[in-house]
Amino acid sequence: MRWRKRLKKYNEGDEKKLQADIEREGGLEKGDMTAMIIAALKTLVPVCLLVLVGLSLIVMLIFRAF
């Protein structure tokens, strides 16, 4: 339960302050959302593929499919 001490309490004011800071800096530019989605996919898809390949290899070894 030690990790619970590291989490910050949710504060609605922090969210509004962050949103105000983004808007003050000019907001999101055109293509920012697309770039964030592509970056997330480039991060998650290879990891998911590795997990699937690993699990399939384990299943193949268990059932002696090699």
PDB file of N, CA and C in Angstrom:
ATOM      1  N   MET A   1       0.810  -1.202   0.000  1.00  0.00           N
ATOM      2  CA  MET A   1       0.000   0.000   0.000  1.00  0.00           C
ATOM      3  C   MET A   1       0.851   1.262   0.000  1.00  0.00           C
ATOM      4  N   ARG A   2       2.127   1.079  -0.180  1.00  0.00           N
ATOM      5  CA  ARG A   2       3.025   2.224  -0.147  1.00  0.00           C
ATOM      6  C   ARG A   2       2.808   3.163  -1.338  1.00  0.00           C
ATOM      7  N   TRP A   3       2.398   2.604  -2.482  1.00  0.00           N
ATOM      8  CA  TRP A   3       2.237   3.414  -3.683  1.00  0.00           C
ATOM      9  C   TRP A   3       1.093   4.406  -3.565  1.00  0.00           C
ATOM     10  N   ARG A   4       0.150   4.155  -2.678  1.00  0.00           N
ATOM     11  CA  ARG A   4      -0.983   5.070  -2.531  1.00  0.00           C
ATOM     12  C   ARG A   4      -0.542   6.438  -2.012  1.00  0.00           C
ATOM     13  N   LYS A   5       0.533   6.480  -1.277  1.00  0.00           N
ATOM     14  CA  LYS A   5       1.004   7.743  -0.733  1.00  0.00           C
ATOM     15  C   LYS A   5       1.557   8.652  -1.826  1.00  0.00           C
ATOM     16  N   ARG A   6       1.991   8.064  -2.939  1.00  0.00           N
ATOM     17  CA  ARG A   6       2.584   8.860  -4.015  1.00  0.00           C
ATOM     18  C   ARG A   6       1.537   9.517  -4.903  1.00  0.00           C
ATOM     19  N   LEU A   7       0.325   9.000  -4.907  1.00  0.00           N
ATOM     20  CA  LEU A   7      -0.716   9.546  -5.759  1.00  0.00           C
ATOM     21  C   LEU A   7      -1.209  10.879  -5.211  1.00  0.00           C
ATOM     22  N   LYS A   8      -1.435  11.801  -6.114  1.00  0.00           N
ATOM     23  CA  LYS A   8      -1.970  13.091  -5.707  1.00  0.00           C
ATOM     24  C   LYS A   8      -3.487  13.026  -5.664  1.00  0.00           C
ATOM     25  N   LYS A   9      -4.055  13.770  -4.780  1.00  0.00           N
ATOM     26  CA  LYS A   9      -5.502  13.864  -4.700  1.00  0.00           C
ATOM     27  C   LYS A   9      -6.016  14.642  -5.901  1.00  0.00           C
ATOM     28  N   TYR A  10      -7.165  14.237  -6.420  1.00  0.00           N
ATOM     29  CA  TYR A  10      -7.772  14.939  -7.550  1.00  0.00           C
ATOM     30  C   TYR A  10      -8.283  16.290  -7.086  1.00  0.00           C
ATOM     31  N   ASN A  11      -7.918  17.308  -7.840  1.00  0.00           N
ATOM     32  CA  ASN A  11      -8.354  18.650  -7.522  1.00  0.00           C
ATOM     33  C   ASN A  11      -8.894  19.271  -8.801  1.00  0.00           C
ATOM     34  N   GLU A  12     -10.152  19.638  -8.801  1.00  0.00           N
ATOM     35  CA  GLU A  12     -10.779  20.182  -9.995  1.00  0.00           C
ATOM     36  C   GLU A  12     -10.110  21.491 -10.428  1.00  0.00           C
ATOM     37  N   GLY A  13      -9.585  22.226  -9.494  1.00  0.00           N
ATOM     38  CA  GLY A  13      -8.909  23.481  -9.812  1.00  0.00           C
ATOM     39  C   GLY A  13      -7.656  23.262 -10.642  1.00  0.00           C
ATOM     40  N   ASP A  14      -6.945  22.147 -10.397  1.00  0.00           N
ATOM     41  CA  ASP A  14      -5.742  21.839 -11.176  1.00  0.00           C
ATOM     42  C   ASP A  14      -6.084  21.598 -12.629  1.00  0.00           C
ATOM     43  N   GLU A  15      -7.180  20.898 -12.874  1.00  0.00           N
ATOM     44  CA  GLU A  15      -7.603  20.626 -14.246  1.00  0.00           C
ATOM     45  C   GLU A  15      -7.948  21.925 -14.971  1.00  0.00           C
ATOM     46  N   LYS A  16      -8.664  22.790 -14.308  1.00  0.00           N
ATOM     47  CA  LYS A  16      -9.040  24.069 -14.917  1.00  0.00           C
ATOM     48  C   LYS A  16      -7.810  24.944 -15.157  1.00  0.00           C
ATOM     49  N   LYS A  17      -6.850  24.899 -14.241  1.00  0.00           N
ATOM     50  CA  LYS A  17      -5.625  25.689 -14.395  1.00  0.00           C
ATOM     51  C   LYS A  17      -4.821  25.184 -15.591  1.00  0.00           C
ATOM     52  N   LEU A  18      -4.710  23.873 -15.739  1.00  0.00           N
ATOM     53  CA  LEU A  18      -3.991  23.310 -16.870  1.00  0.00           C
ATOM     54  C   LEU A  18      -4.670  23.666 -18.184  1.00  0.00           C
ATOM     55  N   GLN A  19      -5.987  23.569 -18.218  1.00  0.00           N
ATOM     56  CA  GLN A  19      -6.726  23.921 -19.435  1.00  0.00           C
ATOM     57  C   GLN A  19      -6.557  25.401 -19.761  1.00  0.00           C
ATOM     58  N   ALA A  20      -6.551  26.241 -18.746  1.00  0.00           N
ATOM     59  CA  ALA A  20      -6.360  27.672 -18.969  1.00  0.00           C
ATOM     60  C   ALA A  20      -4.947  27.950 -19.483  1.00  0.00           C
ATOM     61  N   ASP A  21      -3.951  27.232 -18.975  1.00  0.00           N
ATOM     62  CA  ASP A  21      -2.577  27.400 -19.447  1.00  0.00           C
ATOM     63  C   ASP A  21      -2.448  27.005 -20.919  1.00  0.00           C
ATOM     64  N   ILE A  22      -3.088  25.910 -21.302  1.00  0.00           N
ATOM     65  CA  ILE A  22      -3.046  25.482 -22.710  1.00  0.00           C
ATOM     66  C   ILE A  22      -3.699  26.520 -23.603  1.00  0.00           C
ATOM     67  N   GLU A  23      -4.833  27.042 -23.181  1.00  0.00           N
ATOM     68  CA  GLU A  23      -5.533  28.056 -23.981  1.00  0.00           C
ATOM     69  C   GLU A  23      -4.726  29.348 -24.049  1.00  0.00           C
ATOM     70  N   ARG A  24      -4.057  29.692 -22.966  1.00  0.00           N
ATOM     71  CA  ARG A  24      -3.257  30.923 -22.950  1.00  0.00           C
ATOM     72  C   ARG A  24      -2.074  30.812 -23.921  1.00  0.00           C
ATOM     73  N   GLU A  25      -1.517  29.610 -24.037  1.00  0.00           N
ATOM     74  CA  GLU A  25      -0.378  29.401 -24.935  1.00  0.00           C
ATOM     75  C   GLU A  25      -0.801  29.294 -26.396  1.00  0.00           C
ATOM     76  N   GLY A  26      -2.082  29.308 -26.663  1.00  0.00           N
ATOM     77  CA  GLY A  26      -2.553  29.246 -28.037  1.00  0.00           C
ATOM     78  C   GLY A  26      -3.371  28.009 -28.341  1.00  0.00           C
ATOM     79  N   GLY A  27      -3.576  27.173 -27.365  1.00  0.00           N
ATOM     80  CA  GLY A  27      -4.387  25.978 -27.551  1.00  0.00           C
ATOM     81  C   GLY A  27      -3.665  24.930 -28.377  1.00  0.00           C
ATOM     82  N   LEU A  28      -4.393  23.907 -28.731  1.00  0.00           N
ATOM     83  CA  LEU A  28      -3.827  22.860 -29.564  1.00  0.00           C
ATOM     84  C   LEU A  28      -3.762  23.332 -31.008  1.00  0.00           C
ATOM     85  N   GLU A  29      -2.670  23.020 -31.660  1.00  0.00           N
ATOM     86  CA  GLU A  29      -2.531  23.395 -33.059  1.00  0.00           C
ATOM     87  C   GLU A  29      -3.164  22.343 -33.945  1.00  0.00           C
ATOM     88  N   LYS A  30      -3.326  22.697 -35.208  1.00  0.00           N
ATOM     89  CA  LYS A  30      -3.900  21.768 -36.170  1.00  0.00           C
ATOM     90  C   LYS A  30      -2.969  20.560 -36.299  1.00  0.00           C
ATOM     91  N   GLY A  31      -3.530  19.374 -36.143  1.00  0.00           N
ATOM     92  CA  GLY A  31      -2.752  18.160 -36.271  1.00  0.00           C
ATOM     93  C   GLY A  31      -2.180  17.637 -34.966  1.00  0.00           C
ATOM     94  N   ASP A  32      -2.341  18.369 -33.874  1.00  0.00           N
ATOM     95  CA  ASP A  32      -1.812  17.910 -32.591  1.00  0.00           C
ATOM     96  C   ASP A  32      -2.508  16.639 -32.117  1.00  0.00           C
ATOM     97  N   MET A  33      -3.827  16.581 -32.279  1.00  0.00           N
ATOM     98  CA  MET A  33      -4.571  15.408 -31.826  1.00  0.00           C
ATOM     99  C   MET A  33      -4.166  14.189 -32.654  1.00  0.00           C
ATOM    100  N   THR A  34      -4.011  14.368 -33.956  1.00  0.00           N
ATOM    101  CA  THR A  34      -3.581  13.271 -34.825  1.00  0.00           C
ATOM    102  C   THR A  34      -2.191  12.787 -34.425  1.00  0.00           C
ATOM    103  N   ALA A  35      -1.307  13.702 -34.126  1.00  0.00           N
ATOM    104  CA  ALA A  35       0.051  13.339 -33.723  1.00  0.00           C
ATOM    105  C   ALA A  35       0.036  12.573 -32.407  1.00  0.00           C
ATOM    106  N   MET A  36      -0.820  12.962 -31.475  1.00  0.00           N
ATOM    107  CA  MET A  36      -0.904  12.257 -30.201  1.00  0.00           C
ATOM    108  C   MET A  36      -1.448  10.844 -30.387  1.00  0.00           C
ATOM    109  N   ILE A  37      -2.421  10.689 -31.271  1.00  0.00           N
ATOM    110  CA  ILE A  37      -2.989   9.365 -31.523  1.00  0.00           C
ATOM    111  C   ILE A  37      -1.959   8.463 -32.191  1.00  0.00           C
ATOM    112  N   ILE A  38      -1.240   8.982 -33.160  1.00  0.00           N
ATOM    113  CA  ILE A  38      -0.213   8.200 -33.846  1.00  0.00           C
ATOM    114  C   ILE A  38       0.894   7.798 -32.864  1.00  0.00           C
ATOM    115  N   ALA A  39       1.293   8.712 -32.008  1.00  0.00           N
ATOM    116  CA  ALA A  39       2.327   8.399 -31.014  1.00  0.00           C
ATOM    117  C   ALA A  39       1.854   7.307 -30.048  1.00  0.00           C
ATOM    118  N   ALA A  40       0.596   7.366 -29.651  1.00  0.00           N
ATOM    119  CA  ALA A  40       0.058   6.342 -28.753  1.00  0.00           C
ATOM    120  C   ALA A  40       0.024   4.989 -29.453  1.00  0.00           C
ATOM    121  N   LEU A  41      -0.379   4.970 -30.710  1.00  0.00           N
ATOM    122  CA  LEU A  41      -0.421   3.712 -31.453  1.00  0.00           C
ATOM    123  C   LEU A  41       0.972   3.137 -31.666  1.00  0.00           C
ATOM    124  N   LYS A  42       1.942   4.007 -31.948  1.00  0.00           N
ATOM    125  CA  LYS A  42       3.319   3.539 -32.134  1.00  0.00           C
ATOM    126  C   LYS A  42       3.883   2.967 -30.845  1.00  0.00           C
ATOM    127  N   THR A  43       3.345   3.383 -29.722  1.00  0.00           N
ATOM    128  CA  THR A  43       3.800   2.876 -28.436  1.00  0.00           C
ATOM    129  C   THR A  43       3.095   1.578 -28.062  1.00  0.00           C
ATOM    130  N   LEU A  44       1.795   1.519 -28.265  1.00  0.00           N
ATOM    131  CA  LEU A  44       0.998   0.387 -27.781  1.00  0.00           C
ATOM    132  C   LEU A  44       0.984  -0.815 -28.714  1.00  0.00           C
ATOM    133  N   VAL A  45       0.920  -0.591 -30.017  1.00  0.00           N
ATOM    134  CA  VAL A  45       0.775  -1.701 -30.962  1.00  0.00           C
ATOM    135  C   VAL A  45       1.955  -2.666 -30.910  1.00  0.00           C
ATOM    136  N   PRO A  46       3.208  -2.216 -30.939  1.00  0.00           N
ATOM    137  CA  PRO A  46       4.306  -3.180 -30.864  1.00  0.00           C
ATOM    138  C   PRO A  46       4.312  -3.997 -29.565  1.00  0.00           C
ATOM    139  N   VAL A  47       3.972  -3.373 -28.471  1.00  0.00           N
ATOM    140  CA  VAL A  47       3.933  -4.089 -27.193  1.00  0.00           C
ATOM    141  C   VAL A  47       2.846  -5.156 -27.230  1.00  0.00           C
ATOM    142  N   CYS A  48       1.672  -4.809 -27.733  1.00  0.00           N
ATOM    143  CA  CYS A  48       0.576  -5.780 -27.828  1.00  0.00           C
ATOM    144  C   CYS A  48       0.948  -6.933 -28.753  1.00  0.00           C
ATOM    145  N   LEU A  49       1.611  -6.623 -29.852  1.00  0.00           N
ATOM    146  CA  LEU A  49       2.028  -7.676 -30.776  1.00  0.00           C
ATOM    147  C   LEU A  49       3.036  -8.615 -30.121  1.00  0.00           C
ATOM    148  N   LEU A  50       3.976  -8.069 -29.376  1.00  0.00           N
ATOM    149  CA  LEU A  50       4.946  -8.912 -28.678  1.00  0.00           C
ATOM    150  C   LEU A  50       4.273  -9.826 -27.658  1.00  0.00           C
ATOM    151  N   VAL A  51       3.298  -9.302 -26.944  1.00  0.00           N
ATOM    152  CA  VAL A  51       2.575 -10.119 -25.966  1.00  0.00           C
ATOM    153  C   VAL A  51       1.818 -11.231 -26.674  1.00  0.00           C
ATOM    154  N   LEU A  52       1.145 -10.911 -27.782  1.00  0.00           N
ATOM    155  CA  LEU A  52       0.404 -11.936 -28.515  1.00  0.00           C
ATOM    156  C   LEU A  52       1.325 -13.005 -29.080  1.00  0.00           C
ATOM    157  N   VAL A  53       2.459 -12.604 -29.626  1.00  0.00           N
ATOM    158  CA  VAL A  53       3.414 -13.572 -30.168  1.00  0.00           C
ATOM    159  C   VAL A  53       3.952 -14.449 -29.045  1.00  0.00           C
ATOM    160  N   GLY A  54       4.273 -13.849 -27.914  1.00  0.00           N
ATOM    161  CA  GLY A  54       4.767 -14.618 -26.781  1.00  0.00           C
ATOM    162  C   GLY A  54       3.754 -15.633 -26.281  1.00  0.00           C
ATOM    163  N   LEU A  55       2.512 -15.209 -26.147  1.00  0.00           N
ATOM    164  CA  LEU A  55       1.473 -16.126 -25.697  1.00  0.00           C
ATOM    165  C   LEU A  55       1.237 -17.241 -26.702  1.00  0.00           C
ATOM    166  N   SER A  56       1.262 -16.910 -27.976  1.00  0.00           N
ATOM    167  CA  SER A  56       1.043 -17.946 -28.992  1.00  0.00           C
ATOM    168  C   SER A  56       2.207 -18.944 -28.994  1.00  0.00           C
ATOM    169  N   LEU A  57       3.430 -18.485 -28.789  1.00  0.00           N
ATOM    170  CA  LEU A  57       4.564 -19.406 -28.711  1.00  0.00           C
ATOM    171  C   LEU A  57       4.461 -20.329 -27.502  1.00  0.00           C
ATOM    172  N   ILE A  58       4.009 -19.784 -26.385  1.00  0.00           N
ATOM    173  CA  ILE A  58       3.830 -20.616 -25.197  1.00  0.00           C
ATOM    174  C   ILE A  58       2.761 -21.675 -25.447  1.00  0.00           C
ATOM    175  N   VAL A  59       1.665 -21.307 -26.056  1.00  0.00           N
ATOM    176  CA  VAL A  59       0.596 -22.261 -26.362  1.00  0.00           C
ATOM    177  C   VAL A  59       1.109 -23.313 -27.336  1.00  0.00           C
ATOM    178  N   MET A  60       1.876 -22.889 -28.327  1.00  0.00           N
ATOM    179  CA  MET A  60       2.432 -23.856 -29.294  1.00  0.00           C
ATOM    180  C   MET A  60       3.378 -24.827 -28.602  1.00  0.00           C
ATOM    181  N   LEU A  61       4.152 -24.359 -27.660  1.00  0.00           N
ATOM    182  CA  LEU A  61       5.049 -25.246 -26.931  1.00  0.00           C
ATOM    183  C   LEU A  61       4.279 -26.226 -26.057  1.00  0.00           C
ATOM    184  N   ILE A  62       3.213 -25.753 -25.439  1.00  0.00           N
ATOM    185  CA  ILE A  62       2.406 -26.616 -24.574  1.00  0.00           C
ATOM    186  C   ILE A  62       1.777 -27.742 -25.389  1.00  0.00           C
ATOM    187  N   PHE A  63       1.238 -27.419 -26.559  1.00  0.00           N
ATOM    188  CA  PHE A  63       0.565 -28.419 -27.390  1.00  0.00           C
ATOM    189  C   PHE A  63       1.491 -29.056 -28.420  1.00  0.00           C
ATOM    190  N   ARG A  64       2.793 -28.785 -28.310  1.00  0.00           N
ATOM    191  CA  ARG A  64       3.822 -29.361 -29.177  1.00  0.00           C
ATOM    192  C   ARG A  64       3.479 -29.194 -30.662  1.00  0.00           C
ATOM    193  N   ALA A  65       3.183 -27.961 -31.040  1.00  0.00           N
ATOM    194  CA  ALA A  65       2.828 -27.678 -32.417  1.00  0.00           C
ATOM    195  C   ALA A  65       4.064 -27.469 -33.275  1.00  0.00           C
ATOM    196  N   PHE A  66       5.249 -27.394 -32.681  1.00  0.00           N
ATOM    197  CA  PHE A  66       6.463 -27.210 -33.460  1.00  0.00           C
ATOM    198  C   PHE A  66       6.897 -28.504 -34.076  1.00  0.00           C
TER     199      PHE A  66
END
